[in-house]
Amino acid sequence: MEGQVSPEVEGSYAFLPVYSPDGTQIAYLVNSSGLESVQYTLVVQDLPAGEPRQLGTFESVWYLEWSPDGRALVFSAGPHLAQQVYGYDLVNGASTVIAQGSEPSVALP
């Protein structure tokens, strides 16, 4: 796949793209508060050119992954010494803390 997916927004940048298991969506993070900020907006977008959907803003997001069935995202977020693993259910639009720590891969079913 070629070309830019995320929209261009002055002063912002998108990073950490991950494709859904079936390849029809992409999830990524957007920082719109400057290089020193650790607040990132989680975005999901249908491919090839769907509208970006903002799912929420989280602190210091790492290890963004899709669930094997493509119905959820799993990631760690929070202050360095207090990271939590979150699950974001794309069906009901809710995020929940599912574990303490920073290794979402151990929280996947």
N, C-alpha and C. Protein backbone atom coordinates (compact mmCIF):
# COMPACT_ATOMS: atom_id res chain seq x y z
N MET A 1 0.84 -1.16 0.00
CA MET A 1 0.00 0.00 0.00
C MET A 1 0.90 1.23 0.00
N GLU A 2 0.57 2.20 -0.85
CA GLU A 2 1.36 3.41 -0.97
C GLU A 2 0.55 4.61 -0.59
N GLY A 3 1.25 5.68 -0.21
CA GLY A 3 0.58 6.95 0.02
C GLY A 3 0.34 7.23 1.49
N GLN A 4 -0.06 8.45 1.75
CA GLN A 4 -0.33 8.90 3.10
C GLN A 4 -1.74 8.52 3.50
N VAL A 5 -1.90 8.03 4.72
CA VAL A 5 -3.20 7.65 5.23
C VAL A 5 -3.73 8.71 6.18
N SER A 6 -2.92 9.13 7.15
CA SER A 6 -3.39 10.08 8.15
C SER A 6 -3.49 11.48 7.56
N PRO A 7 -4.44 12.28 8.05
CA PRO A 7 -4.59 13.63 7.54
C PRO A 7 -3.44 14.52 8.00
N GLU A 8 -3.14 15.54 7.22
CA GLU A 8 -2.11 16.50 7.61
C GLU A 8 -2.75 17.57 8.47
N VAL A 9 -2.20 17.77 9.66
CA VAL A 9 -2.67 18.81 10.56
C VAL A 9 -1.43 19.55 11.04
N GLU A 10 -1.41 20.84 10.79
CA GLU A 10 -0.23 21.63 11.16
C GLU A 10 0.04 21.51 12.65
N GLY A 11 1.30 21.28 12.99
CA GLY A 11 1.70 21.16 14.38
C GLY A 11 1.46 19.80 14.99
N SER A 12 0.97 18.84 14.22
CA SER A 12 0.69 17.49 14.71
C SER A 12 1.49 16.47 13.93
N TYR A 13 1.62 15.30 14.51
CA TYR A 13 2.21 14.20 13.77
C TYR A 13 1.56 12.89 14.20
N ALA A 14 1.47 11.96 13.28
CA ALA A 14 0.92 10.64 13.54
C ALA A 14 2.06 9.63 13.58
N PHE A 15 1.91 8.61 14.43
CA PHE A 15 2.97 7.60 14.55
C PHE A 15 2.40 6.30 15.09
N LEU A 16 3.20 5.27 15.13
CA LEU A 16 2.89 3.93 15.62
C LEU A 16 1.70 3.30 14.88
N PRO A 17 1.73 3.27 13.54
CA PRO A 17 0.61 2.68 12.80
C PRO A 17 0.62 1.15 12.92
N VAL A 18 -0.58 0.59 13.10
CA VAL A 18 -0.74 -0.87 13.12
C VAL A 18 -2.00 -1.23 12.33
N TYR A 19 -1.85 -2.17 11.42
CA TYR A 19 -2.97 -2.61 10.58
C TYR A 19 -3.80 -3.65 11.32
N SER A 20 -5.11 -3.62 11.10
CA SER A 20 -5.99 -4.63 11.67
C SER A 20 -5.64 -5.99 11.05
N PRO A 21 -5.99 -7.08 11.72
CA PRO A 21 -5.66 -8.41 11.19
C PRO A 21 -6.16 -8.66 9.77
N ASP A 22 -7.32 -8.10 9.41
CA ASP A 22 -7.84 -8.31 8.05
C ASP A 22 -7.38 -7.24 7.07
N GLY A 23 -6.61 -6.25 7.53
CA GLY A 23 -6.05 -5.23 6.65
C GLY A 23 -7.02 -4.15 6.21
N THR A 24 -8.22 -4.09 6.80
CA THR A 24 -9.21 -3.10 6.37
C THR A 24 -9.19 -1.81 7.19
N GLN A 25 -8.42 -1.81 8.29
CA GLN A 25 -8.33 -0.63 9.15
C GLN A 25 -6.90 -0.43 9.60
N ILE A 26 -6.64 0.79 10.03
CA ILE A 26 -5.34 1.09 10.62
C ILE A 26 -5.59 1.90 11.89
N ALA A 27 -4.83 1.59 12.92
CA ALA A 27 -4.87 2.36 14.16
C ALA A 27 -3.53 3.07 14.28
N TYR A 28 -3.56 4.28 14.82
CA TYR A 28 -2.32 5.03 15.03
C TYR A 28 -2.55 6.07 16.10
N LEU A 29 -1.46 6.70 16.53
CA LEU A 29 -1.52 7.74 17.54
C LEU A 29 -1.23 9.09 16.90
N VAL A 30 -1.82 10.14 17.44
CA VAL A 30 -1.58 11.50 16.97
C VAL A 30 -1.16 12.34 18.16
N ASN A 31 -0.08 13.07 17.99
CA ASN A 31 0.36 14.05 18.99
C ASN A 31 0.10 15.41 18.39
N SER A 32 -0.80 16.17 18.99
CA SER A 32 -1.10 17.50 18.47
C SER A 32 -0.72 18.59 19.46
N SER A 33 0.01 18.21 20.51
CA SER A 33 0.36 19.17 21.56
C SER A 33 1.84 19.53 21.59
N GLY A 34 2.60 19.11 20.60
CA GLY A 34 4.02 19.44 20.55
C GLY A 34 4.92 18.30 20.98
N LEU A 35 6.18 18.42 20.65
CA LEU A 35 7.14 17.34 20.89
C LEU A 35 7.33 17.00 22.36
N GLU A 36 7.10 17.93 23.25
CA GLU A 36 7.31 17.68 24.67
C GLU A 36 6.10 17.00 25.33
N SER A 37 4.97 16.96 24.65
CA SER A 37 3.76 16.40 25.22
C SER A 37 3.78 14.87 25.19
N VAL A 38 3.19 14.26 26.20
CA VAL A 38 3.03 12.80 26.25
C VAL A 38 1.57 12.40 26.14
N GLN A 39 0.72 13.34 25.71
CA GLN A 39 -0.70 13.09 25.51
C GLN A 39 -0.93 12.74 24.04
N TYR A 40 -1.46 11.54 23.79
CA TYR A 40 -1.64 11.06 22.43
C TYR A 40 -3.10 10.67 22.19
N THR A 41 -3.60 11.01 21.03
CA THR A 41 -4.96 10.63 20.65
C THR A 41 -4.90 9.34 19.85
N LEU A 42 -5.69 8.37 20.27
CA LEU A 42 -5.79 7.09 19.57
C LEU A 42 -6.81 7.24 18.45
N VAL A 43 -6.40 6.86 17.24
CA VAL A 43 -7.23 7.03 16.06
C VAL A 43 -7.34 5.71 15.31
N VAL A 44 -8.54 5.40 14.79
CA VAL A 44 -8.75 4.25 13.91
C VAL A 44 -9.35 4.79 12.63
N GLN A 45 -8.90 4.21 11.51
CA GLN A 45 -9.37 4.68 10.21
C GLN A 45 -9.58 3.49 9.29
N ASP A 46 -10.72 3.50 8.59
CA ASP A 46 -10.97 2.48 7.58
C ASP A 46 -10.07 2.75 6.38
N LEU A 47 -9.63 1.69 5.73
CA LEU A 47 -8.78 1.83 4.55
C LEU A 47 -9.58 1.54 3.30
N PRO A 48 -9.28 2.15 2.18
CA PRO A 48 -8.08 2.94 1.93
C PRO A 48 -8.19 4.41 2.34
N ALA A 49 -9.38 4.99 2.42
CA ALA A 49 -9.43 6.43 2.68
C ALA A 49 -10.61 6.83 3.55
N GLY A 50 -10.87 6.06 4.59
CA GLY A 50 -11.98 6.39 5.47
C GLY A 50 -11.68 7.58 6.36
N GLU A 51 -12.70 8.09 7.02
CA GLU A 51 -12.53 9.20 7.94
C GLU A 51 -11.89 8.71 9.24
N PRO A 52 -10.90 9.42 9.76
CA PRO A 52 -10.30 9.05 11.04
C PRO A 52 -11.31 9.19 12.17
N ARG A 53 -11.34 8.20 13.07
CA ARG A 53 -12.21 8.24 14.25
C ARG A 53 -11.33 8.34 15.49
N GLN A 54 -11.46 9.42 16.24
CA GLN A 54 -10.69 9.59 17.47
C GLN A 54 -11.36 8.80 18.58
N LEU A 55 -10.57 7.95 19.24
CA LEU A 55 -11.12 7.07 20.27
C LEU A 55 -10.86 7.57 21.69
N GLY A 56 -10.00 8.55 21.84
CA GLY A 56 -9.68 9.07 23.17
C GLY A 56 -8.24 9.51 23.24
N THR A 57 -7.93 10.24 24.30
CA THR A 57 -6.57 10.71 24.53
C THR A 57 -6.01 10.01 25.75
N PHE A 58 -4.78 9.54 25.61
CA PHE A 58 -4.14 8.77 26.67
C PHE A 58 -2.71 9.28 26.86
N GLU A 59 -2.16 9.05 28.05
CA GLU A 59 -0.81 9.48 28.36
C GLU A 59 0.20 8.38 28.05
N SER A 60 1.27 8.76 27.37
CA SER A 60 2.42 7.86 27.13
C SER A 60 2.02 6.48 26.63
N VAL A 61 1.37 6.42 25.49
CA VAL A 61 0.92 5.14 24.93
C VAL A 61 2.09 4.38 24.32
N TRP A 62 2.12 3.08 24.58
CA TRP A 62 3.13 2.18 24.02
C TRP A 62 2.47 0.88 23.60
N TYR A 63 3.13 0.16 22.72
CA TYR A 63 2.74 -1.21 22.37
C TYR A 63 1.31 -1.36 21.87
N LEU A 64 0.91 -0.54 20.96
CA LEU A 64 -0.44 -0.61 20.38
C LEU A 64 -0.56 -1.87 19.52
N GLU A 65 -1.59 -2.69 19.81
CA GLU A 65 -1.82 -3.93 19.08
C GLU A 65 -3.31 -4.15 18.86
N TRP A 66 -3.66 -4.90 17.82
CA TRP A 66 -5.04 -5.32 17.58
C TRP A 66 -5.27 -6.66 18.25
N SER A 67 -6.50 -6.91 18.65
CA SER A 67 -6.86 -8.26 19.08
C SER A 67 -6.90 -9.14 17.84
N PRO A 68 -6.73 -10.43 17.98
CA PRO A 68 -6.72 -11.32 16.82
C PRO A 68 -7.99 -11.25 15.97
N ASP A 69 -9.15 -10.96 16.59
CA ASP A 69 -10.40 -10.88 15.84
C ASP A 69 -10.67 -9.49 15.26
N GLY A 70 -9.80 -8.50 15.55
CA GLY A 70 -9.95 -7.16 15.01
C GLY A 70 -11.06 -6.33 15.64
N ARG A 71 -11.61 -6.80 16.74
CA ARG A 71 -12.71 -6.09 17.40
C ARG A 71 -12.26 -5.20 18.54
N ALA A 72 -10.95 -5.23 18.85
CA ALA A 72 -10.45 -4.44 19.98
C ALA A 72 -8.99 -4.06 19.75
N LEU A 73 -8.57 -3.03 20.45
CA LEU A 73 -7.17 -2.62 20.49
C LEU A 73 -6.67 -2.82 21.91
N VAL A 74 -5.42 -3.18 22.03
CA VAL A 74 -4.79 -3.35 23.33
C VAL A 74 -3.53 -2.51 23.33
N PHE A 75 -3.31 -1.77 24.41
CA PHE A 75 -2.14 -0.89 24.50
C PHE A 75 -1.84 -0.59 25.95
N SER A 76 -0.63 -0.12 26.21
CA SER A 76 -0.30 0.34 27.56
C SER A 76 -0.25 1.86 27.53
N ALA A 77 -0.62 2.46 28.66
CA ALA A 77 -0.62 3.91 28.76
C ALA A 77 -0.51 4.30 30.23
N GLY A 78 -0.09 5.51 30.45
CA GLY A 78 0.00 6.06 31.80
C GLY A 78 1.41 6.48 32.13
N PRO A 79 1.59 7.06 33.32
CA PRO A 79 2.92 7.50 33.74
C PRO A 79 3.91 6.34 33.74
N HIS A 80 5.18 6.66 33.56
CA HIS A 80 6.23 5.66 33.39
C HIS A 80 6.18 4.55 34.46
N LEU A 81 6.07 4.90 35.71
CA LEU A 81 6.10 3.89 36.77
C LEU A 81 4.72 3.35 37.12
N ALA A 82 3.70 3.77 36.42
CA ALA A 82 2.34 3.33 36.72
C ALA A 82 1.58 2.97 35.44
N GLN A 83 2.26 2.36 34.48
CA GLN A 83 1.60 1.97 33.23
C GLN A 83 0.49 0.97 33.52
N GLN A 84 -0.57 1.06 32.70
CA GLN A 84 -1.66 0.11 32.76
C GLN A 84 -1.94 -0.39 31.35
N VAL A 85 -2.40 -1.62 31.24
CA VAL A 85 -2.78 -2.18 29.95
C VAL A 85 -4.27 -1.92 29.77
N TYR A 86 -4.61 -1.29 28.64
CA TYR A 86 -6.00 -0.97 28.32
C TYR A 86 -6.48 -1.85 27.18
N GLY A 87 -7.75 -2.13 27.19
CA GLY A 87 -8.43 -2.72 26.05
C GLY A 87 -9.45 -1.71 25.56
N TYR A 88 -9.49 -1.47 24.27
CA TYR A 88 -10.50 -0.58 23.71
C TYR A 88 -11.39 -1.41 22.82
N ASP A 89 -12.64 -1.59 23.24
CA ASP A 89 -13.61 -2.38 22.51
C ASP A 89 -14.20 -1.52 21.39
N LEU A 90 -13.89 -1.85 20.14
CA LEU A 90 -14.36 -1.06 19.01
C LEU A 90 -15.85 -1.25 18.74
N VAL A 91 -16.44 -2.31 19.27
CA VAL A 91 -17.86 -2.56 19.07
C VAL A 91 -18.70 -1.64 19.96
N ASN A 92 -18.34 -1.55 21.25
CA ASN A 92 -19.14 -0.71 22.15
C ASN A 92 -18.50 0.65 22.44
N GLY A 93 -17.29 0.89 21.93
CA GLY A 93 -16.65 2.19 22.06
C GLY A 93 -16.17 2.53 23.45
N ALA A 94 -15.74 1.54 24.22
CA ALA A 94 -15.31 1.79 25.59
C ALA A 94 -13.90 1.26 25.83
N SER A 95 -13.14 1.99 26.64
CA SER A 95 -11.83 1.52 27.05
C SER A 95 -11.89 1.10 28.51
N THR A 96 -11.17 0.04 28.85
CA THR A 96 -11.12 -0.45 30.22
C THR A 96 -9.70 -0.85 30.54
N VAL A 97 -9.32 -0.70 31.79
CA VAL A 97 -8.03 -1.18 32.27
C VAL A 97 -8.17 -2.68 32.47
N ILE A 98 -7.26 -3.45 31.83
CA ILE A 98 -7.36 -4.91 31.96
C ILE A 98 -6.19 -5.52 32.71
N ALA A 99 -5.12 -4.73 32.95
CA ALA A 99 -3.98 -5.24 33.70
C ALA A 99 -3.08 -4.08 34.10
N GLN A 100 -2.25 -4.32 35.10
CA GLN A 100 -1.23 -3.36 35.49
C GLN A 100 0.05 -3.70 34.73
N GLY A 101 0.83 -2.71 34.35
CA GLY A 101 2.09 -2.96 33.67
C GLY A 101 2.09 -2.41 32.26
N SER A 102 3.08 -2.84 31.49
CA SER A 102 3.25 -2.27 30.15
C SER A 102 3.42 -3.31 29.05
N GLU A 103 2.91 -4.50 29.25
CA GLU A 103 3.05 -5.56 28.25
C GLU A 103 1.70 -6.07 27.79
N PRO A 104 1.07 -5.36 26.81
CA PRO A 104 -0.25 -5.79 26.36
C PRO A 104 -0.29 -7.18 25.76
N SER A 105 0.82 -7.66 25.21
CA SER A 105 0.78 -8.96 24.56
C SER A 105 0.45 -10.08 25.54
N VAL A 106 0.76 -9.90 26.83
CA VAL A 106 0.40 -10.92 27.79
C VAL A 106 -1.07 -10.84 28.17
N ALA A 107 -1.75 -9.74 27.80
CA ALA A 107 -3.16 -9.59 28.12
C ALA A 107 -4.07 -10.04 26.98
N LEU A 108 -3.49 -10.35 25.82
CA LEU A 108 -4.32 -10.80 24.69
C LEU A 108 -4.81 -12.21 24.95
N PRO A 109 -6.08 -12.50 24.54
CA PRO A 109 -6.61 -13.86 24.75
C PRO A 109 -5.91 -14.87 23.87
